[in-house]
Amino acid sequence: MDRSGEAYREFLTPLLEQIDKIKARWPRPPVAVIIPEVVENHWWLAVLHSRRASRWRTALRRREDFRVVVIDLPWFVQE
């Protein structure tokens, strides 16, 4: 499958670029990144959601940047 048409779905690279811009403009304060994550009541419903939040969290932590604070925000789905 050709992935060239899926460029609009890319979010990680623009997120990291935006964080770098913010850090360059304000060199001292920490930068907080809030990552929302859907929390389902049943494991089989959780499988339907992508692991996007986990990928963002991993990418931010791999940078080992002490100025970037990662905040997890659980979003509980009501039935």
C-alpha atoms as a PDB file:
ATOM      1  CA  MET A   1       0.000   0.000   0.000  1.00  0.00           C
ATOM      2  CA  ASP A   2       1.252   3.448  -0.881  1.00  0.00           C
ATOM      3  CA  ARG A   3       1.607   5.507   2.296  1.00  0.00           C
ATOM      4  CA  SER A   4       2.180   8.845   0.509  1.00  0.00           C
ATOM      5  CA  GLY A   5      -1.504   9.694   0.846  1.00  0.00           C
ATOM      6  CA  GLU A   6      -1.348   9.225   4.620  1.00  0.00           C
ATOM      7  CA  ALA A   7       0.964  12.156   5.332  1.00  0.00           C
ATOM      8  CA  TYR A   8      -1.944  14.095   6.828  1.00  0.00           C
ATOM      9  CA  ARG A   9      -2.061  11.514   9.627  1.00  0.00           C
ATOM     10  CA  GLU A  10       1.505  12.190  10.726  1.00  0.00           C
ATOM     11  CA  PHE A  11       1.519  13.963  14.065  1.00  0.00           C
ATOM     12  CA  LEU A  12       4.677  12.996  15.919  1.00  0.00           C
ATOM     13  CA  THR A  13       7.183  14.926  13.787  1.00  0.00           C
ATOM     14  CA  PRO A  14       5.174  18.202  13.858  1.00  0.00           C
ATOM     15  CA  LEU A  15       4.699  17.768  17.625  1.00  0.00           C
ATOM     16  CA  LEU A  16       8.440  17.398  18.226  1.00  0.00           C
ATOM     17  CA  GLU A  17       9.166  20.374  15.945  1.00  0.00           C
ATOM     18  CA  GLN A  18       6.647  22.521  17.823  1.00  0.00           C
ATOM     19  CA  ILE A  19       8.201  21.572  21.165  1.00  0.00           C
ATOM     20  CA  ASP A  20      11.630  22.589  19.832  1.00  0.00           C
ATOM     21  CA  LYS A  21      10.231  25.950  18.662  1.00  0.00           C
ATOM     22  CA  ILE A  22       8.677  26.611  22.065  1.00  0.00           C
ATOM     23  CA  LYS A  23      11.905  25.700  23.831  1.00  0.00           C
ATOM     24  CA  ALA A  24      13.894  28.028  21.563  1.00  0.00           C
ATOM     25  CA  ARG A  25      11.516  30.931  22.154  1.00  0.00           C
ATOM     26  CA  TRP A  26      11.343  30.439  25.928  1.00  0.00           C
ATOM     27  CA  PRO A  27      14.655  28.860  26.982  1.00  0.00           C
ATOM     28  CA  ARG A  28      14.044  28.507  30.722  1.00  0.00           C
ATOM     29  CA  PRO A  29      10.574  27.199  31.674  1.00  0.00           C
ATOM     30  CA  PRO A  30       9.571  23.559  31.261  1.00  0.00           C
ATOM     31  CA  VAL A  31       7.264  22.525  28.440  1.00  0.00           C
ATOM     32  CA  ALA A  32       4.253  20.414  29.414  1.00  0.00           C
ATOM     33  CA  VAL A  33       2.823  18.005  26.864  1.00  0.00           C
ATOM     34  CA  ILE A  34      -0.602  16.581  27.723  1.00  0.00           C
ATOM     35  CA  ILE A  35      -1.266  13.215  26.093  1.00  0.00           C
ATOM     36  CA  PRO A  36      -4.917  12.113  26.150  1.00  0.00           C
ATOM     37  CA  GLU A  37      -5.555   8.374  26.096  1.00  0.00           C
ATOM     38  CA  VAL A  38      -8.844   6.527  25.756  1.00  0.00           C
ATOM     39  CA  VAL A  39      -9.496   4.099  28.616  1.00  0.00           C
ATOM     40  CA  GLU A  40     -12.069   1.439  27.830  1.00  0.00           C
ATOM     41  CA  ASN A  41     -14.008  -0.735  30.257  1.00  0.00           C
ATOM     42  CA  HIS A  42     -13.220  -3.956  28.407  1.00  0.00           C
ATOM     43  CA  TRP A  43      -9.936  -5.213  26.984  1.00  0.00           C
ATOM     44  CA  TRP A  44     -11.495  -6.082  23.621  1.00  0.00           C
ATOM     45  CA  LEU A  45     -12.621  -2.472  23.146  1.00  0.00           C
ATOM     46  CA  ALA A  46      -9.138  -1.195  23.936  1.00  0.00           C
ATOM     47  CA  VAL A  47      -7.783  -3.251  21.038  1.00  0.00           C
ATOM     48  CA  LEU A  48      -9.842  -1.135  18.638  1.00  0.00           C
ATOM     49  CA  HIS A  49      -8.042   2.070  19.595  1.00  0.00           C
ATOM     50  CA  SER A  50      -4.616   2.845  18.250  1.00  0.00           C
ATOM     51  CA  ARG A  51      -1.542   2.920  20.439  1.00  0.00           C
ATOM     52  CA  ARG A  52      -0.842   6.488  19.356  1.00  0.00           C
ATOM     53  CA  ALA A  53      -0.583   7.867  22.905  1.00  0.00           C
ATOM     54  CA  SER A  54       1.961   5.219  23.795  1.00  0.00           C
ATOM     55  CA  ARG A  55       4.063   6.047  20.722  1.00  0.00           C
ATOM     56  CA  TRP A  56       4.005   9.788  21.551  1.00  0.00           C
ATOM     57  CA  ARG A  57       4.981   9.112  25.162  1.00  0.00           C
ATOM     58  CA  THR A  58       7.842   6.827  24.116  1.00  0.00           C
ATOM     59  CA  ALA A  59       9.166   9.322  21.552  1.00  0.00           C
ATOM     60  CA  LEU A  60       9.130  12.161  24.089  1.00  0.00           C
ATOM     61  CA  ARG A  61      10.903  10.102  26.749  1.00  0.00           C
ATOM     62  CA  ARG A  62      13.560   8.860  24.331  1.00  0.00           C
ATOM     63  CA  ARG A  63      14.663  12.442  23.803  1.00  0.00           C
ATOM     64  CA  GLU A  64      15.680  12.546  27.491  1.00  0.00           C
ATOM     65  CA  ASP A  65      14.858  16.239  27.660  1.00  0.00           C
ATOM     66  CA  PHE A  66      14.529  17.360  31.278  1.00  0.00           C
ATOM     67  CA  ARG A  67      12.518  20.422  30.184  1.00  0.00           C
ATOM     68  CA  VAL A  68       9.693  18.390  28.634  1.00  0.00           C
ATOM     69  CA  VAL A  69       7.097  17.183  31.128  1.00  0.00           C
ATOM     70  CA  VAL A  70       4.775  14.446  29.876  1.00  0.00           C
ATOM     71  CA  ILE A  71       1.296  14.480  31.422  1.00  0.00           C
ATOM     72  CA  ASP A  72      -0.997  11.485  30.824  1.00  0.00           C
ATOM     73  CA  LEU A  73      -4.686  12.340  30.706  1.00  0.00           C
ATOM     74  CA  PRO A  74      -6.968   9.303  30.831  1.00  0.00           C
ATOM     75  CA  TRP A  75     -10.256   9.713  28.983  1.00  0.00           C
ATOM     76  CA  PHE A  76     -12.823   7.261  30.301  1.00  0.00           C
ATOM     77  CA  VAL A  77     -15.444   6.224  27.758  1.00  0.00           C
ATOM     78  CA  GLN A  78     -19.005   5.963  29.068  1.00  0.00           C
ATOM     79  CA  GLU A  79     -21.221   3.154  27.764  1.00  0.00           C
END
